């Protein structure tokens, strides 16, 4: 079923539901972008196109929230658990009394951010800000703790290495922010260690080499991770785009209409008490075109037919669906019946005036019949089957009226006809 495919790294149904909310927007975004828009920045491995990068960040909110919550919980516990080092390597409980308030502050801050992610309204910006704050708190807190407890230099050096790796690889931070936070914090750690004479000169040099190597290594690996996430994202959305579009005409397919599009538009119209109109159109005597000119020419006619429909509707608002062989359905949200009829009549004239070139360069003219149904959900109600059935009813009336015409009405408004 559409929307139930797994984006790598999204393990649960709740996450998939969050992800699918962005699918239609993402597909529309991809459809109008050139391949160059999906290039990645050579350093930070983000999409060059800011709009696509923003969509990726929004799409990945559930994944980032889960990863960040886990790290904050572990970080909060670590701030408290490693207090044993202050007792064992310092002056016992007296040393602990000096460092414990700071440990409680840092650990409590991690727990608060963990709680906030579980109860706040998650956005891409919010996730990034929390990740940045958590990285700054943990990495910036280590030099402060070293100043308060110089004798704990060895475990703090190990902790600094682990947190630096986490800031680059595990915490869903922007790569540029990870660099801005990690490098100055590591330098501050080395400066405090030198000032407090925590290490010998040789040990200080070794610590500097280790921390700089960790930053370089983590940065390179993080680049690969960021690139992989975005390529998987692009491949997933492209796969979904293909799965919900008709391969011949590029219109949406009937499966997507029935499983996602029409139910969601009806639900929206009910919620906001607005109009929703459906236009069903059919190429007149299409079988005769196939029999006379061949199926390749018939395919060319369908493609041009679809192009006219897509060009004559509102991009990003209306939807054009290939409903059957030569039958198409137009879904017009927030459009009253009279506006829908005007749209159908304009499309009917455009199709009738369009000359299509067949496979052998022969000019072909085609007409179409239209059935239009509109309903105001502030006054009436209908389900998917009733709306489509009513539109089909008006389409059959148009065909019986001689084709190349528009018939329309509502439920249960009297039928009317425009020639």
Protein backbone atom coordinates (compact mmCIF):
# COMPACT_ATOMS: atom_id res chain seq x y z
CA UNK A 1 0.00 0.00 0.00
CA UNK A 2 1.16 3.52 -0.75
CA UNK A 3 2.89 5.08 2.22
CA UNK A 4 3.81 1.81 3.92
CA UNK A 5 7.19 1.39 2.28
CA UNK A 6 10.08 1.71 4.71
CA UNK A 7 12.52 4.57 4.46
CA UNK A 8 15.80 3.04 5.73
CA UNK A 9 16.14 3.82 9.42
CA UNK A 10 12.44 4.40 10.09
CA UNK A 11 11.43 1.33 12.11
CA UNK A 12 7.92 1.87 13.38
CA UNK A 13 4.44 2.60 12.12
CA UNK A 14 4.28 5.89 14.02
CA UNK A 15 7.38 7.13 12.23
CA UNK A 16 6.06 6.00 8.83
CA UNK A 17 2.84 7.92 9.48
CA UNK A 18 4.82 11.08 10.24
CA UNK A 19 6.93 10.58 7.14
CA UNK A 20 3.96 10.07 4.81
CA UNK A 21 2.49 13.47 5.73
CA UNK A 22 5.23 15.07 3.62
CA UNK A 23 5.05 12.68 0.66
CA UNK A 24 2.78 14.66 -1.65
CA UNK A 25 4.69 17.90 -1.05
CA UNK A 26 7.98 16.16 -1.65
CA UNK A 27 6.78 14.62 -4.90
CA UNK A 28 5.63 18.03 -6.18
CA UNK A 29 8.98 19.49 -5.15
CA UNK A 30 10.94 16.82 -7.00
CA UNK A 31 8.78 17.11 -10.09
CA UNK A 32 9.74 20.72 -10.80
CA UNK A 33 13.41 20.51 -9.81
CA UNK A 34 16.32 19.92 -12.13
CA UNK A 35 18.88 17.17 -11.40
CA UNK A 36 21.40 19.88 -10.43
CA UNK A 37 19.16 20.85 -7.50
CA UNK A 38 19.96 17.52 -5.84
CA UNK A 39 23.70 18.08 -5.81
CA UNK A 40 25.32 18.05 -2.39
CA UNK A 41 27.57 20.68 -0.90
CA UNK A 42 31.16 19.32 -1.13
CA UNK A 43 31.91 20.04 2.54
CA UNK A 44 28.71 19.77 4.54
CA UNK A 45 26.89 17.22 2.32
CA UNK A 46 23.60 19.09 2.34
CA UNK A 47 21.38 19.60 -0.70
CA UNK A 48 22.45 22.72 -2.59
CA UNK A 49 18.79 23.60 -3.15
CA UNK A 50 17.57 25.07 0.15
CA UNK A 51 13.95 24.06 -0.49
CA UNK A 52 14.87 20.41 -0.95
CA UNK A 53 17.14 20.52 2.11
CA UNK A 54 14.28 21.92 4.20
CA UNK A 55 11.99 19.16 2.96
CA UNK A 56 14.60 16.54 3.85
CA UNK A 57 15.00 17.98 7.34
CA UNK A 58 11.23 17.95 7.88
CA UNK A 59 10.99 14.44 6.47
CA UNK A 60 13.70 13.17 8.82
CA UNK A 61 12.26 14.74 11.99
CA UNK A 62 10.97 11.41 13.42
CA UNK A 63 14.30 9.65 12.82
CA UNK A 64 16.30 12.51 14.30
CA UNK A 65 14.00 12.82 17.31
CA UNK A 66 14.36 9.13 18.20
CA UNK A 67 18.16 9.18 17.83
CA UNK A 68 18.52 12.40 19.81
CA UNK A 69 16.24 11.21 22.62
CA UNK A 70 18.37 8.11 23.09
CA UNK A 71 21.58 10.12 23.22
CA UNK A 72 20.14 12.62 25.70
CA UNK A 73 18.99 9.85 28.00
CA UNK A 74 22.39 8.16 27.89
CA UNK A 75 24.13 11.52 28.32
CA UNK A 76 22.06 12.47 31.36
CA UNK A 77 22.79 9.15 33.04
CA UNK A 78 26.51 9.40 32.15
CA UNK A 79 26.84 12.81 33.81
CA UNK A 80 25.65 11.26 37.09
CA UNK A 81 27.22 7.81 36.78
CA UNK A 82 30.75 9.10 36.14
CA UNK A 83 30.63 10.99 39.43
CA UNK A 84 32.29 7.88 40.83
CA UNK A 85 35.49 9.08 39.14
CA UNK A 86 35.42 12.24 41.26
CA UNK A 87 35.35 10.10 44.40
CA UNK A 88 37.94 7.53 43.34
CA UNK A 89 40.45 9.90 41.70
CA UNK A 90 39.89 13.00 43.80
CA UNK A 91 39.67 13.77 47.53
CA UNK A 92 36.71 11.49 48.18
CA UNK A 93 33.37 13.00 49.11
CA UNK A 94 34.89 16.46 49.51
CA UNK A 95 35.82 16.47 45.84
CA UNK A 96 32.41 15.12 44.91
CA UNK A 97 30.72 17.96 46.75
CA UNK A 98 32.57 20.39 44.46
CA UNK A 99 31.63 18.71 41.18
CA UNK A 100 28.20 17.29 42.01
CA UNK A 101 26.21 20.55 41.54
CA UNK A 102 27.68 20.97 38.06
CA UNK A 103 27.02 17.31 37.21
CA UNK A 104 23.43 17.65 38.40
CA UNK A 105 22.96 20.75 36.27
CA UNK A 106 24.32 19.11 33.11
CA UNK A 107 22.55 15.80 33.72
CA UNK A 108 19.31 17.57 34.55
CA UNK A 109 19.57 19.66 31.38
CA UNK A 110 19.93 16.48 29.30
CA UNK A 111 16.90 14.94 31.00
CA UNK A 112 14.89 18.12 30.41
CA UNK A 113 15.73 18.14 26.70
CA UNK A 114 14.88 14.43 26.54
CA UNK A 115 11.51 15.18 28.13
CA UNK A 116 10.93 18.16 25.82
CA UNK A 117 11.45 16.06 22.70
CA UNK A 118 8.87 13.59 23.95
CA UNK A 119 6.22 16.22 24.75
CA UNK A 120 6.89 19.22 22.52
CA UNK A 121 5.79 19.91 18.96
CA UNK A 122 8.70 18.63 16.90
CA UNK A 123 10.02 20.65 13.99
CA UNK A 124 13.23 20.37 11.99
CA UNK A 125 14.48 23.66 13.46
CA UNK A 126 13.61 22.57 16.98
CA UNK A 127 15.43 19.25 16.59
CA UNK A 128 18.52 21.01 15.25
CA UNK A 129 18.50 23.55 18.09
CA UNK A 130 18.17 20.84 20.74
CA UNK A 131 20.99 18.85 19.13
CA UNK A 132 23.18 21.95 19.07
CA UNK A 133 22.41 22.75 22.70
CA UNK A 134 23.10 19.18 23.79
CA UNK A 135 26.43 19.11 21.94
CA UNK A 136 27.51 22.45 23.39
CA UNK A 137 26.45 21.43 26.90
CA UNK A 138 28.27 18.10 26.91
CA UNK A 139 31.44 19.15 25.10
CA UNK A 140 31.60 22.55 26.77
CA UNK A 141 30.99 21.02 30.19
CA UNK A 142 34.01 18.72 30.06
CA UNK A 143 36.65 21.54 30.33
CA UNK A 144 34.66 23.00 33.24
CA UNK A 145 34.63 19.63 34.99
CA UNK A 146 38.38 19.26 34.37
CA UNK A 147 38.92 22.64 36.03
CA UNK A 148 36.91 21.54 39.07
CA UNK A 149 38.53 18.10 39.25
CA UNK A 150 42.02 18.17 37.63
CA UNK A 151 42.86 14.68 38.94
CA UNK A 152 40.16 13.13 36.73
CA UNK A 153 42.00 14.06 33.54
CA UNK A 154 42.25 10.53 32.13
CA UNK A 155 38.53 9.59 32.22
CA UNK A 156 37.59 13.10 31.07
CA UNK A 157 39.92 12.77 28.08
CA UNK A 158 38.23 9.49 27.18
CA UNK A 159 34.82 11.13 27.67
CA UNK A 160 35.84 14.03 25.45
CA UNK A 161 36.70 11.60 22.65
CA UNK A 162 33.37 9.75 22.96
CA UNK A 163 31.26 12.92 23.08
CA UNK A 164 33.13 14.39 20.08
CA UNK A 165 32.32 11.27 18.06
CA UNK A 166 28.69 11.47 19.21
CA UNK A 167 28.43 15.13 18.21
CA UNK A 168 29.48 14.28 14.66
CA UNK A 169 27.92 10.88 14.11
CA UNK A 170 25.14 10.12 16.54
CA UNK A 171 23.49 13.38 17.48
CA UNK A 172 21.43 14.51 14.45
CA UNK A 173 23.19 17.83 14.19
CA UNK A 174 24.12 19.85 11.15
CA UNK A 175 27.70 18.98 10.25
CA UNK A 176 28.79 22.62 10.26
CA UNK A 177 27.46 23.08 13.80
CA UNK A 178 29.24 19.94 14.97
CA UNK A 179 32.55 21.40 13.76
CA UNK A 180 31.88 24.79 15.35
CA UNK A 181 31.13 23.16 18.71
CA UNK A 182 33.60 20.27 18.80
CA UNK A 183 36.83 22.00 17.75
CA UNK A 184 36.68 24.96 20.21
CA UNK A 185 35.54 22.66 23.04
CA UNK A 186 38.45 20.29 22.47
CA UNK A 187 40.86 23.23 22.36
CA UNK A 188 39.38 24.53 25.62
CA UNK A 189 39.92 21.10 27.19
CA UNK A 190 43.59 21.12 26.18
CA UNK A 191 44.09 24.68 27.45
CA UNK A 192 42.52 23.90 30.82
CA UNK A 193 44.58 20.71 31.06
CA UNK A 194 47.77 22.74 30.38
CA UNK A 195 46.78 25.45 32.88
CA UNK A 196 45.92 22.94 35.62
CA UNK A 197 48.99 20.82 34.81
CA UNK A 198 46.80 17.77 34.52
CA UNK A 199 49.16 16.07 32.07
CA UNK A 200 52.87 16.07 31.43
CA UNK A 201 54.02 17.89 28.33
CA UNK A 202 54.25 14.63 26.39
CA UNK A 203 50.81 13.51 27.54
CA UNK A 204 49.37 16.87 26.53
CA UNK A 205 50.81 16.51 23.02
CA UNK A 206 49.40 12.99 22.77
CA UNK A 207 45.97 14.23 23.92
CA UNK A 208 46.08 16.97 21.27
CA UNK A 209 46.99 14.50 18.52
CA UNK A 210 44.23 12.12 19.60
CA UNK A 211 41.53 14.81 19.76
CA UNK A 212 42.51 16.34 16.40
CA UNK A 213 42.54 12.88 14.81
CA UNK A 214 39.13 12.12 16.27
CA UNK A 215 37.74 15.34 14.78
CA UNK A 216 39.14 14.60 11.32
CA UNK A 217 38.01 10.97 11.39
CA UNK A 218 34.54 11.84 12.67
CA UNK A 219 34.13 14.61 10.10
CA UNK A 220 34.97 12.28 7.19
CA UNK A 221 32.65 9.53 8.43
CA UNK A 222 29.89 12.07 9.14
CA UNK A 223 30.16 13.31 5.54
CA UNK A 224 29.45 9.77 4.33
CA UNK A 225 26.51 9.43 6.71
CA UNK A 226 24.98 12.74 5.65
CA UNK A 227 25.43 11.86 1.96
CA UNK A 228 23.91 8.39 2.46
CA UNK A 229 20.85 9.78 4.28
CA UNK A 230 20.12 12.24 1.50
CA UNK A 231 20.65 9.76 -1.33
CA UNK A 232 18.34 7.28 0.38
CA UNK A 233 15.81 10.07 0.84
CA UNK A 234 15.97 11.03 -2.82
CA UNK A 235 15.69 7.39 -3.94
CA UNK A 236 12.72 6.77 -1.64
CA UNK A 237 10.75 9.78 -2.82
CA UNK A 238 11.52 8.98 -6.45
CA UNK A 239 10.30 5.43 -5.87
CA UNK A 240 7.09 6.73 -4.34
CA UNK A 241 6.67 9.23 -7.18
CA UNK A 242 6.88 6.43 -9.72
CA UNK A 243 4.52 4.19 -7.75
CA UNK A 244 1.68 6.73 -7.68
CA UNK A 245 2.00 8.06 -11.23
CA UNK A 246 0.87 6.58 -14.51
CA UNK A 247 3.95 5.70 -16.56
CA UNK A 248 2.44 6.76 -19.91
CA UNK A 249 0.89 10.15 -19.13
CA UNK A 250 2.65 11.19 -15.93
CA UNK A 251 -0.71 11.73 -14.22
CA UNK A 252 -1.51 10.30 -10.81
CA UNK A 253 -2.85 6.75 -10.94
CA UNK A 254 -6.17 5.36 -9.75
CA UNK A 255 -4.62 3.45 -6.87
CA UNK A 256 -3.28 6.61 -5.29
CA UNK A 257 -6.62 8.33 -5.87
CA UNK A 258 -8.61 5.69 -4.04
CA UNK A 259 -6.13 4.91 -1.27
CA UNK A 260 -4.92 8.36 -0.34
CA UNK A 261 -5.87 11.38 -2.42
CA UNK A 262 -9.66 11.33 -2.60
CA UNK A 263 -10.26 10.23 1.04
CA UNK A 264 -7.92 12.94 2.32
CA UNK A 265 -9.53 15.67 0.18
CA UNK A 266 -13.02 14.65 1.28
CA UNK A 267 -11.90 14.66 4.90
CA UNK A 268 -10.41 18.13 4.45
CA UNK A 269 -13.58 19.43 2.80
CA UNK A 270 -15.67 18.04 5.67
CA UNK A 271 -13.41 19.56 8.29
CA UNK A 272 -13.32 23.04 6.78
CA UNK A 273 -16.84 22.98 5.28
CA UNK A 274 -15.66 23.81 1.76
CA UNK A 275 -16.55 22.86 -1.80
CA UNK A 276 -15.04 19.87 -3.56
CA UNK A 277 -15.60 19.22 -7.26
CA UNK A 278 -14.78 16.24 -9.44
CA UNK A 279 -14.49 16.31 -13.22
CA UNK A 280 -14.47 13.05 -15.18
CA UNK A 281 -13.52 13.31 -18.85
CA UNK A 282 -13.23 10.79 -21.62
CA UNK A 283 -11.65 11.01 -25.09
CA UNK A 284 -14.42 10.56 -27.66
CA UNK A 285 -14.18 7.58 -30.04
CA UNK A 286 -10.72 6.68 -28.79
CA UNK A 287 -11.04 3.06 -29.93
CA UNK A 288 -11.45 4.33 -33.46
CA UNK A 289 -8.14 6.22 -33.17
CA UNK A 290 -6.36 3.05 -32.04
CA UNK A 291 -7.94 0.98 -34.80
CA UNK A 292 -7.18 3.57 -37.51
CA UNK A 293 -3.73 4.83 -36.57
CA UNK A 294 -2.37 2.16 -34.21
CA UNK A 295 -1.69 2.02 -30.51
CA UNK A 296 1.49 4.10 -30.64
CA UNK A 297 -0.49 6.98 -32.06
CA UNK A 298 -3.16 6.30 -29.45
CA UNK A 299 -0.49 6.65 -26.75
CA UNK A 300 0.62 9.97 -28.27
CA UNK A 301 -2.99 11.18 -28.16
CA UNK A 302 -3.31 10.21 -24.50
CA UNK A 303 -0.08 11.98 -23.61
CA UNK A 304 -1.18 15.19 -25.32
CA UNK A 305 -4.62 14.84 -23.75
CA UNK A 306 -3.01 14.60 -20.31
CA UNK A 307 -0.73 17.56 -21.03
CA UNK A 308 -3.73 19.75 -21.81
CA UNK A 309 -5.46 18.70 -18.57
CA UNK A 310 -2.38 19.30 -16.45
CA UNK A 311 -1.65 22.66 -18.07
CA UNK A 312 -5.24 23.78 -17.56
CA UNK A 313 -5.43 23.05 -13.84
CA UNK A 314 -3.81 24.65 -10.80
CA UNK A 315 -0.37 23.21 -10.07
CA UNK A 316 0.01 21.97 -6.51
CA UNK A 317 -3.73 22.35 -5.81
CA UNK A 318 -5.72 20.37 -8.38
CA UNK A 319 -4.96 16.75 -9.21
CA UNK A 320 -5.17 15.01 -12.59
CA UNK A 321 -5.64 11.24 -12.39
CA UNK A 322 -5.65 8.66 -15.17
CA UNK A 323 -8.84 6.90 -14.13
CA UNK A 324 -9.08 4.31 -16.90
CA UNK A 325 -7.82 3.65 -20.42
CA UNK A 326 -8.83 6.97 -22.01
CA UNK A 327 -10.69 8.33 -19.01
CA UNK A 328 -9.25 10.98 -16.68
CA UNK A 329 -10.45 12.41 -13.37
CA UNK A 330 -9.77 15.93 -12.13
CA UNK A 331 -9.98 16.61 -8.41
CA UNK A 332 -10.59 20.31 -7.70
CA UNK A 333 -10.40 21.20 -3.98
CA UNK A 334 -12.12 24.32 -2.68
CA UNK A 335 -13.80 24.79 -6.07
CA UNK A 336 -17.55 25.37 -6.41
CA UNK A 337 -19.63 23.81 -9.14
CA UNK A 338 -19.75 26.86 -11.42
CA UNK A 339 -15.95 27.27 -11.30
CA UNK A 340 -15.47 23.57 -12.00
CA UNK A 341 -17.80 23.80 -15.01
CA UNK A 342 -15.84 26.78 -16.37
CA UNK A 343 -12.63 24.79 -16.00
CA UNK A 344 -14.14 21.79 -17.80
CA UNK A 345 -15.53 23.94 -20.60
CA UNK A 346 -12.16 25.65 -21.10
CA UNK A 347 -10.42 22.27 -21.26
CA UNK A 348 -13.05 20.93 -23.68
CA UNK A 349 -12.41 23.80 -26.09
CA UNK A 350 -8.63 23.50 -25.79
CA UNK A 351 -8.72 19.77 -26.55
CA UNK A 352 -11.04 20.30 -29.54
CA UNK A 353 -8.74 23.01 -30.93
CA UNK A 354 -5.53 21.00 -30.46
CA UNK A 355 -4.01 19.13 -33.39
CA UNK A 356 -2.02 16.08 -32.38
CA UNK A 357 0.71 14.64 -34.59
CA UNK A 358 0.65 10.85 -34.87
CA UNK A 359 3.56 8.46 -35.31
CA UNK A 360 3.50 8.98 -39.10
CA UNK A 361 3.17 12.78 -38.75
CA UNK A 362 -0.52 12.63 -39.59
CA UNK A 363 -2.65 15.39 -37.97
CA UNK A 364 -5.27 14.04 -35.57
CA UNK A 365 -8.11 15.93 -33.92
CA UNK A 366 -9.83 14.58 -30.85
CA UNK A 367 -12.71 15.78 -28.70
CA UNK A 368 -13.71 14.93 -25.15
CA UNK A 369 -16.83 14.63 -23.03
CA UNK A 370 -16.95 15.93 -19.47
CA UNK A 371 -19.03 15.12 -16.41
CA UNK A 372 -18.80 17.50 -13.46
CA UNK A 373 -20.06 17.03 -9.91
CA UNK A 374 -19.60 19.58 -7.15
CA UNK A 375 -20.67 19.42 -3.52
CA UNK A 376 -20.59 22.00 -0.75
CA UNK A 377 -19.67 20.09 2.40
CA UNK A 378 -20.99 22.94 4.52
CA UNK A 379 -24.49 21.88 3.43
CA UNK A 380 -24.21 18.31 2.10
CA UNK A 381 -22.16 15.18 2.59
CA UNK A 382 -20.92 12.41 0.32
CA UNK A 383 -18.35 9.64 0.28
CA UNK A 384 -15.79 8.69 -2.36
CA UNK A 385 -18.04 6.24 -4.18
CA UNK A 386 -20.99 8.64 -4.35
CA UNK A 387 -18.88 11.48 -5.75
CA UNK A 388 -17.32 9.35 -8.48
CA UNK A 389 -20.66 7.73 -9.31
CA UNK A 390 -22.31 11.14 -9.68
CA UNK A 391 -19.48 12.39 -11.93
CA UNK A 392 -19.75 9.26 -14.07
CA UNK A 393 -23.49 9.85 -14.33
CA UNK A 394 -22.93 13.32 -15.83
CA UNK A 395 -20.21 11.94 -18.13
CA UNK A 396 -22.67 9.39 -19.55
CA UNK A 397 -25.20 12.19 -20.06
CA UNK A 398 -22.57 14.16 -22.01
CA UNK A 399 -21.86 11.17 -24.23
CA UNK A 400 -25.55 10.53 -24.79
CA UNK A 401 -25.97 14.20 -25.67
CA UNK A 402 -23.64 13.78 -28.65
CA UNK A 403 -20.18 14.00 -27.01
CA UNK A 404 -17.81 17.00 -27.02
CA UNK A 405 -19.91 18.58 -24.30
CA UNK A 406 -20.02 19.25 -20.57
CA UNK A 407 -22.81 17.99 -18.31
CA UNK A 408 -22.85 18.81 -14.65
CA UNK A 409 -24.80 18.90 -11.45
CA UNK A 410 -24.65 18.06 -7.81
CA UNK A 411 -26.33 15.71 -5.38
CA UNK A 412 -29.27 16.08 -5.58
CA UNK A 413 -29.34 19.29 -7.64
CA UNK A 414 -31.16 19.08 -11.01
CA UNK A 415 -29.01 18.33 -14.03
CA UNK A 416 -27.96 21.12 -16.31
CA UNK A 417 -26.00 21.18 -19.54
CA UNK A 418 -23.58 23.51 -21.24
CA UNK A 419 -22.98 23.09 -24.99
